Amino acid sequence: MASIVTLGLIAWPVMSHYEIPPFTDKGDPVSYGEVAPQAPDGKGGGQEPAKDSPVLMPTGPAAKFKNARTLDDGTHVSVVTLDGKKSGFKGKVWVWAPKEYTDDPKYAKHGFPVMIALPGGPGFGTNYWWAGFNFQENMAKWYKEGKSKPFLLAMPVLNPGPDDKGTYWDGSDIPGQPKMGTWLTEDVPDLMKANFRTIKSRDGWAFMGSSTGGFAGLKAVLKHPDKFKAAIANGPDFVPDSLLWRGHEKEQRENTPAVLAKQLIDTKGPDVYLAFQVGTREGAATMKGVKDFMAQSGKGPVHTYLRPIEGGRHDGASYAPNLGRGPIQWISEQISGPIPAS
């Protein structure tokens, strides 16, 4: 009998790790408790925001989130398939709300900042910011340490299909292709506004991404500084190099970060804040690209910050834990929230 009990104690964490029922609530519905379901006639489902409030209450309709992972603190990484009304693209978005949002009465009527976190590579099927890199756990820890704002996280797929032939969409609206720029900068923010208390102004909105995702986040902020204030770009690309740009060279140039930054500088546009991480064991071209961009474009309204990662490689295992050693603090100093609704 003792050996059976011992075996059971050993098996318990193993089965829990592999999410074998009844040791998981994966797939269960997740509700954030603030948005009523939309009526069959399409009316209702949201809260009427006060016009003079800096906080946008959830507009609805409520998304049908399913639990993807439960953290030790009881918060959930949940997932929904979003049918993008503005982009025409349909894909998965994972979301996470910190415990301060879900359980702290002090913040019950506060709007929270949103960070849209993007993977590198295809970003299809899964999103490595939640799968295996303890990103949410780190965000919760960094807030408690006074390093980070308590961000709501939105983690959308980045490309419409598996990146098995070197083809991707650059987080851009390439003519004749799925409108991935619109997906990232309009449909995904609309999902967050529909289901969470957010901040009306751009001061509560940021991006983060790696490699291709770093390029997409960087470009989103530079292209839409009226909507987003800051980005963290880990080992980013600086040239839109999708093969799908062929025949659309003018649009390709218009989606280059240096070109977008120059436009922002020339028009004396709103201030944006761009933090970079680059591993010292990445390709030399990546560090050179960051330093060249900072030298040429990091002026006027474009503010930049660089943290080299000693021994770091071009991967999430290098980027994710190092965010708490400078970049997340710097970005959090520029971002507002939580803000009480007036």
Protein backbone atom coordinates (compact mmCIF):
# COMPACT_ATOMS: atom_id res chain seq x y z
CA MET A 1 0.00 0.00 0.00
CA ALA A 2 2.82 2.40 0.90
CA SER A 3 4.45 1.84 -2.48
CA ILE A 4 1.15 2.60 -4.22
CA VAL A 5 0.79 5.85 -2.28
CA THR A 6 4.39 6.78 -3.10
CA LEU A 7 3.79 6.05 -6.75
CA GLY A 8 0.67 8.19 -6.64
CA LEU A 9 2.58 11.12 -5.13
CA ILE A 10 5.16 10.85 -7.90
CA ALA A 11 2.54 10.49 -10.63
CA TRP A 12 0.49 13.48 -9.44
CA PRO A 13 2.91 16.24 -10.58
CA VAL A 14 3.74 14.28 -13.72
CA MET A 15 0.08 13.98 -14.74
CA SER A 16 -0.52 17.59 -13.76
CA HIS A 17 2.44 18.69 -15.88
CA TYR A 18 1.08 16.87 -18.89
CA GLU A 19 -2.42 18.24 -18.20
CA ILE A 20 -4.06 14.85 -17.79
CA PRO A 21 -7.59 15.18 -16.31
CA PRO A 22 -8.65 15.70 -13.57
CA PHE A 23 -5.44 17.65 -12.93
CA THR A 24 -6.20 20.52 -15.31
CA ASP A 25 -8.92 22.99 -16.19
CA LYS A 26 -7.55 23.50 -19.67
CA GLY A 27 -10.34 24.23 -22.13
CA ASP A 28 -12.78 25.46 -19.50
CA PRO A 29 -14.56 28.77 -20.19
CA VAL A 30 -12.88 31.84 -18.71
CA SER A 31 -14.92 34.92 -17.87
CA TYR A 32 -13.52 38.25 -16.76
CA GLY A 33 -16.90 39.05 -15.24
CA GLU A 34 -17.57 42.48 -16.69
CA VAL A 35 -19.22 42.06 -20.07
CA ALA A 36 -22.71 40.67 -20.50
CA PRO A 37 -23.19 38.40 -23.53
CA GLN A 38 -24.52 40.18 -26.59
CA ALA A 39 -28.24 39.76 -27.18
CA PRO A 40 -29.44 37.78 -30.23
CA ASP A 41 -30.38 41.05 -31.94
CA GLY A 42 -26.78 42.21 -31.63
CA LYS A 43 -27.54 44.88 -29.06
CA GLY A 44 -26.06 45.34 -25.62
CA GLY A 45 -23.11 43.47 -24.23
CA GLY A 46 -21.03 46.41 -23.05
CA GLN A 47 -20.86 49.16 -20.47
CA GLU A 48 -21.51 52.79 -21.32
CA PRO A 49 -18.24 54.64 -20.66
CA ALA A 50 -18.25 58.09 -19.07
CA LYS A 51 -17.28 60.62 -21.72
CA ASP A 52 -14.91 62.50 -19.43
CA SER A 53 -13.27 59.38 -17.97
CA PRO A 54 -9.71 58.38 -18.96
CA VAL A 55 -10.88 54.78 -18.62
CA LEU A 56 -12.73 52.84 -21.28
CA MET A 57 -15.07 50.32 -19.71
CA PRO A 58 -15.52 47.02 -21.59
CA THR A 59 -17.55 47.71 -24.71
CA GLY A 60 -18.57 44.12 -25.46
CA PRO A 61 -19.53 41.77 -26.87
CA ALA A 62 -17.91 39.26 -24.54
CA ALA A 63 -15.43 36.92 -26.23
CA LYS A 64 -15.64 33.18 -25.62
CA PHE A 65 -12.29 32.69 -23.91
CA LYS A 66 -11.09 29.15 -23.12
CA ASN A 67 -8.44 28.41 -20.52
CA ALA A 68 -5.05 27.53 -21.98
CA ARG A 69 -3.04 27.52 -18.77
CA THR A 70 -3.65 28.24 -15.09
CA LEU A 71 -0.84 29.92 -13.17
CA ASP A 72 0.01 29.16 -9.56
CA ASP A 73 -1.60 32.45 -8.47
CA GLY A 74 -4.93 31.37 -9.99
CA THR A 75 -4.82 33.66 -13.01
CA HIS A 76 -5.45 32.24 -16.46
CA VAL A 77 -3.84 32.44 -19.85
CA SER A 78 -6.92 32.10 -22.03
CA VAL A 79 -7.40 31.87 -25.77
CA VAL A 80 -10.05 32.87 -28.27
CA THR A 81 -10.35 32.71 -32.04
CA LEU A 82 -10.84 36.28 -33.19
CA ASP A 83 -12.64 37.00 -36.44
CA GLY A 84 -11.05 40.33 -37.32
CA LYS A 85 -13.75 42.65 -38.61
CA LYS A 86 -11.31 45.26 -39.92
CA SER A 87 -8.54 43.04 -41.26
CA GLY A 88 -10.62 40.13 -42.51
CA PHE A 89 -8.15 37.75 -40.83
CA LYS A 90 -9.29 35.06 -38.39
CA GLY A 91 -6.82 33.71 -35.85
CA LYS A 92 -6.02 32.94 -32.24
CA VAL A 93 -5.29 35.48 -29.54
CA TRP A 94 -4.11 34.52 -26.05
CA VAL A 95 -4.78 36.95 -23.20
CA TRP A 96 -3.73 37.27 -19.57
CA ALA A 97 -4.95 39.56 -16.82
CA PRO A 98 -2.82 40.01 -13.69
CA LYS A 99 -4.19 39.27 -10.24
CA GLU A 100 -4.44 43.01 -9.54
CA TYR A 101 -7.01 43.20 -12.32
CA THR A 102 -9.00 40.08 -11.46
CA ASP A 103 -8.92 40.01 -7.65
CA ASP A 104 -7.80 43.29 -6.08
CA PRO A 105 -10.77 45.44 -4.92
CA LYS A 106 -8.49 48.49 -4.93
CA TYR A 107 -8.36 48.32 -8.72
CA ALA A 108 -11.96 47.21 -9.36
CA LYS A 109 -12.79 50.37 -11.33
CA HIS A 110 -9.38 51.08 -12.81
CA GLY A 111 -8.33 50.96 -16.43
CA PHE A 112 -5.19 48.90 -17.05
CA PRO A 113 -2.40 49.29 -19.61
CA VAL A 114 -2.22 46.77 -22.45
CA MET A 115 0.89 45.19 -23.95
CA ILE A 116 0.56 43.32 -27.25
CA ALA A 117 3.28 40.65 -27.21
CA LEU A 118 4.41 39.07 -30.47
CA PRO A 119 6.46 35.93 -31.12
CA GLY A 120 9.13 35.56 -33.74
CA GLY A 121 9.03 33.27 -36.75
CA PRO A 122 5.61 32.16 -37.89
CA GLY A 123 3.80 32.86 -34.63
CA PHE A 124 1.25 30.29 -35.71
CA GLY A 125 -0.60 27.72 -33.63
CA THR A 126 1.11 28.69 -30.38
CA ASN A 127 2.73 31.78 -28.94
CA TYR A 128 6.00 31.22 -27.10
CA TRP A 129 5.42 34.11 -24.74
CA TRP A 130 3.10 31.84 -22.79
CA ALA A 131 4.45 28.41 -23.69
CA GLY A 132 7.40 27.55 -21.49
CA PHE A 133 9.05 30.91 -20.81
CA ASN A 134 7.11 31.92 -17.67
CA PHE A 135 6.40 35.33 -19.15
CA GLN A 136 3.22 35.89 -17.15
CA GLU A 137 4.84 34.71 -13.93
CA ASN A 138 7.70 37.10 -14.55
CA MET A 139 5.35 39.99 -15.27
CA ALA A 140 3.55 39.38 -11.98
CA LYS A 141 6.88 39.17 -10.14
CA TRP A 142 8.24 42.33 -11.77
CA TYR A 143 5.15 44.29 -10.76
CA LYS A 144 5.56 43.21 -7.15
CA GLU A 145 9.22 44.24 -7.33
CA GLY A 146 8.23 47.68 -8.59
CA LYS A 147 9.77 47.12 -12.02
CA SER A 148 6.69 46.87 -14.22
CA LYS A 149 3.18 48.16 -14.64
CA PRO A 150 0.52 45.45 -14.19
CA PHE A 151 -0.08 45.01 -17.91
CA LEU A 152 -2.95 43.19 -19.51
CA LEU A 153 -1.34 40.98 -22.15
CA ALA A 154 -2.65 40.24 -25.63
CA MET A 155 -0.65 37.61 -27.54
CA PRO A 156 -1.91 37.19 -31.11
CA VAL A 157 -0.63 34.94 -33.85
CA LEU A 158 1.66 36.89 -36.13
CA ASN A 159 1.33 35.13 -39.47
CA PRO A 160 -1.62 33.39 -41.12
CA GLY A 161 0.13 30.07 -41.70
CA PRO A 162 3.16 27.99 -40.80
CA ASP A 163 6.37 29.72 -41.84
CA ASP A 164 7.83 26.63 -43.49
CA LYS A 165 9.09 28.24 -46.70
CA GLY A 166 10.61 31.46 -45.40
CA THR A 167 7.43 33.36 -46.22
CA TYR A 168 5.85 35.69 -43.72
CA TRP A 169 3.76 38.84 -43.66
CA ASP A 170 5.99 41.38 -41.84
CA GLY A 171 3.06 42.38 -39.61
CA SER A 172 1.99 44.52 -42.57
CA ASP A 173 -0.88 45.09 -44.95
CA ILE A 174 0.84 43.72 -48.05
CA PRO A 175 -1.40 44.28 -51.09
CA GLY A 176 -3.33 41.15 -51.95
CA GLN A 177 -2.42 39.43 -48.66
CA PRO A 178 -4.10 39.08 -45.24
CA LYS A 179 -4.06 42.50 -43.57
CA MET A 180 -1.76 41.60 -40.70
CA GLY A 181 -0.91 45.22 -39.89
CA THR A 182 -4.60 45.96 -39.39
CA TRP A 183 -5.02 42.73 -37.41
CA LEU A 184 -2.30 43.77 -34.95
CA THR A 185 -3.12 47.47 -34.61
CA GLU A 186 -6.91 47.47 -34.82
CA ASP A 187 -8.60 44.08 -34.39
CA VAL A 188 -6.50 42.87 -31.45
CA PRO A 189 -6.83 46.20 -29.54
CA ASP A 190 -10.59 46.11 -30.24
CA LEU A 191 -10.74 42.65 -28.61
CA MET A 192 -9.07 44.02 -25.49
CA LYS A 193 -11.34 47.06 -25.38
CA ALA A 194 -14.39 44.83 -25.74
CA ASN A 195 -13.49 42.61 -22.77
CA PHE A 196 -11.36 44.62 -20.34
CA ARG A 197 -11.14 47.97 -18.58
CA THR A 198 -8.49 49.76 -20.61
CA ILE A 199 -7.03 53.25 -20.93
CA LYS A 200 -8.50 55.49 -23.62
CA SER A 201 -5.33 57.30 -24.59
CA ARG A 202 -2.24 55.90 -26.30
CA ASP A 203 -0.44 56.30 -22.95
CA GLY A 204 -1.80 52.90 -21.92
CA TRP A 205 -0.80 50.91 -25.02
CA ALA A 206 2.50 49.21 -25.89
CA PHE A 207 3.98 46.43 -28.02
CA MET A 208 6.68 43.86 -27.44
CA GLY A 209 8.12 41.30 -29.81
CA SER A 210 11.15 39.34 -30.93
CA SER A 211 12.80 39.07 -34.33
CA THR A 212 9.94 39.40 -36.84
CA GLY A 213 7.66 40.20 -33.91
CA GLY A 214 10.07 42.91 -32.78
CA PHE A 215 9.95 44.41 -36.26
CA ALA A 216 6.14 44.29 -36.29
CA GLY A 217 5.83 45.93 -32.87
CA LEU A 218 8.42 48.57 -33.66
CA LYS A 219 6.68 49.39 -36.94
CA ALA A 220 3.23 49.48 -35.33
CA VAL A 221 4.28 52.16 -32.83
CA LEU A 222 6.11 54.26 -35.43
CA LYS A 223 3.23 53.99 -37.89
CA HIS A 224 0.47 54.62 -35.36
CA PRO A 225 1.91 56.89 -32.65
CA ASP A 226 -1.60 58.21 -32.06
CA LYS A 227 -2.61 54.74 -30.80
CA PHE A 228 0.54 53.31 -29.19
CA LYS A 229 3.28 54.93 -27.14
CA ALA A 230 6.04 52.36 -26.65
CA ALA A 231 7.58 49.10 -27.77
CA ILE A 232 10.18 46.58 -26.69
CA ALA A 233 11.93 45.01 -29.68
CA ASN A 234 14.13 41.97 -29.02
CA GLY A 235 16.65 41.21 -31.77
CA PRO A 236 14.40 42.89 -34.35
CA ASP A 237 14.56 43.03 -38.10
CA PHE A 238 14.76 46.53 -39.61
CA VAL A 239 13.89 45.80 -43.23
CA PRO A 240 10.55 44.46 -44.46
CA ASP A 241 11.86 41.42 -46.30
CA SER A 242 8.83 39.24 -46.97
CA LEU A 243 8.89 37.72 -50.44
CA LEU A 244 5.27 38.83 -50.76
CA TRP A 245 6.35 42.47 -51.22
CA ARG A 246 7.48 41.71 -54.79
CA GLY A 247 5.71 44.07 -57.13
CA HIS A 248 4.86 46.40 -54.24
CA GLU A 249 8.22 48.08 -53.63
CA LYS A 250 6.68 51.48 -52.83
CA GLU A 251 4.55 50.01 -50.04
CA GLN A 252 7.54 47.99 -48.86
CA ARG A 253 9.64 51.14 -48.40
CA GLU A 254 6.77 52.82 -46.58
CA ASN A 255 6.83 50.01 -44.00
CA THR A 256 10.51 50.45 -43.13
CA PRO A 257 11.08 51.62 -39.51
CA ALA A 258 13.71 54.19 -40.56
CA VAL A 259 11.28 55.75 -43.05
CA LEU A 260 8.46 55.80 -40.49
CA ALA A 261 10.76 57.31 -37.86
CA LYS A 262 11.86 60.06 -40.28
CA GLN A 263 8.24 60.94 -40.97
CA LEU A 264 7.56 61.16 -37.25
CA ILE A 265 10.62 63.34 -36.70
CA ASP A 266 9.83 65.61 -39.67
CA THR A 267 6.24 66.15 -38.52
CA LYS A 268 7.30 66.61 -34.88
CA GLY A 269 4.86 63.84 -34.03
CA PRO A 270 4.07 62.54 -30.56
CA ASP A 271 6.90 61.06 -28.49
CA VAL A 272 7.41 57.31 -28.77
CA TYR A 273 9.68 55.12 -26.65
CA LEU A 274 11.54 52.15 -28.16
CA ALA A 275 13.55 49.73 -26.03
CA PHE A 276 15.86 47.16 -27.63
CA GLN A 277 17.43 43.93 -26.40
CA VAL A 278 20.15 42.20 -28.39
CA GLY A 279 22.19 39.16 -27.37
CA THR A 280 25.95 39.41 -27.78
CA ARG A 281 25.95 35.96 -29.41
CA GLU A 282 23.40 36.95 -32.05
CA GLY A 283 24.50 37.75 -35.56
CA ALA A 284 26.54 40.95 -35.71
CA ALA A 285 24.07 42.39 -38.22
CA THR A 286 21.33 42.51 -35.57
CA MET A 287 23.35 44.63 -33.14
CA LYS A 288 24.53 46.83 -35.99
CA GLY A 289 20.94 47.31 -37.18
CA VAL A 290 19.84 48.45 -33.72
CA LYS A 291 22.78 50.79 -33.23
CA ASP A 292 22.41 52.27 -36.71
CA PHE A 293 18.71 52.88 -36.15
CA MET A 294 19.35 54.51 -32.79
CA ALA A 295 22.05 56.78 -34.27
CA GLN A 296 20.00 57.81 -37.29
CA SER A 297 16.44 57.80 -35.93
CA GLY A 298 16.73 58.08 -32.15
CA LYS A 299 16.15 61.82 -31.95
CA GLY A 300 13.35 64.34 -31.54
CA PRO A 301 10.16 62.47 -30.65
CA VAL A 302 11.84 59.04 -31.07
CA HIS A 303 13.41 57.97 -27.78
CA THR A 304 15.53 54.79 -27.67
CA TYR A 305 17.14 52.49 -25.11
CA LEU A 306 19.43 49.48 -25.64
CA ARG A 307 20.27 46.62 -23.29
CA PRO A 308 22.83 44.14 -24.62
CA ILE A 309 22.41 40.63 -23.19
CA GLU A 310 25.84 39.22 -22.44
CA GLY A 311 26.01 35.74 -23.97
CA GLY A 312 22.44 36.03 -25.20
CA ARG A 313 21.26 34.31 -28.35
CA HIS A 314 18.50 35.07 -30.83
CA ASP A 315 15.78 33.28 -28.88
CA GLY A 316 13.06 33.75 -26.29
CA ALA A 317 15.08 31.93 -23.65
CA SER A 318 17.51 34.87 -23.75
CA TYR A 319 14.97 37.65 -24.14
CA ALA A 320 12.16 36.74 -21.73
CA PRO A 321 14.04 36.68 -18.38
CA ASN A 322 16.18 39.69 -19.27
CA LEU A 323 13.21 41.98 -19.77
CA GLY A 324 13.22 42.55 -16.01
CA ARG A 325 16.79 43.86 -16.08
CA GLY A 326 16.05 47.18 -17.74
CA PRO A 327 13.63 47.19 -20.69
CA ILE A 328 10.41 46.54 -18.78
CA GLN A 329 11.31 49.22 -16.21
CA TRP A 330 12.11 51.79 -18.90
CA ILE A 331 8.91 51.12 -20.84
CA SER A 332 6.82 51.12 -17.66
CA GLU A 333 8.09 54.59 -16.83
CA GLN A 334 6.52 55.85 -20.05
CA ILE A 335 3.20 53.99 -19.77
CA SER A 336 0.22 55.08 -17.65
CA GLY A 337 -1.96 53.02 -15.35
CA PRO A 338 -3.72 51.62 -13.62
CA ILE A 339 -5.98 54.70 -13.78
CA PRO A 340 -9.21 55.10 -11.78
CA ALA A 341 -12.38 55.78 -13.73
CA SER A 342 -13.74 59.23 -12.91
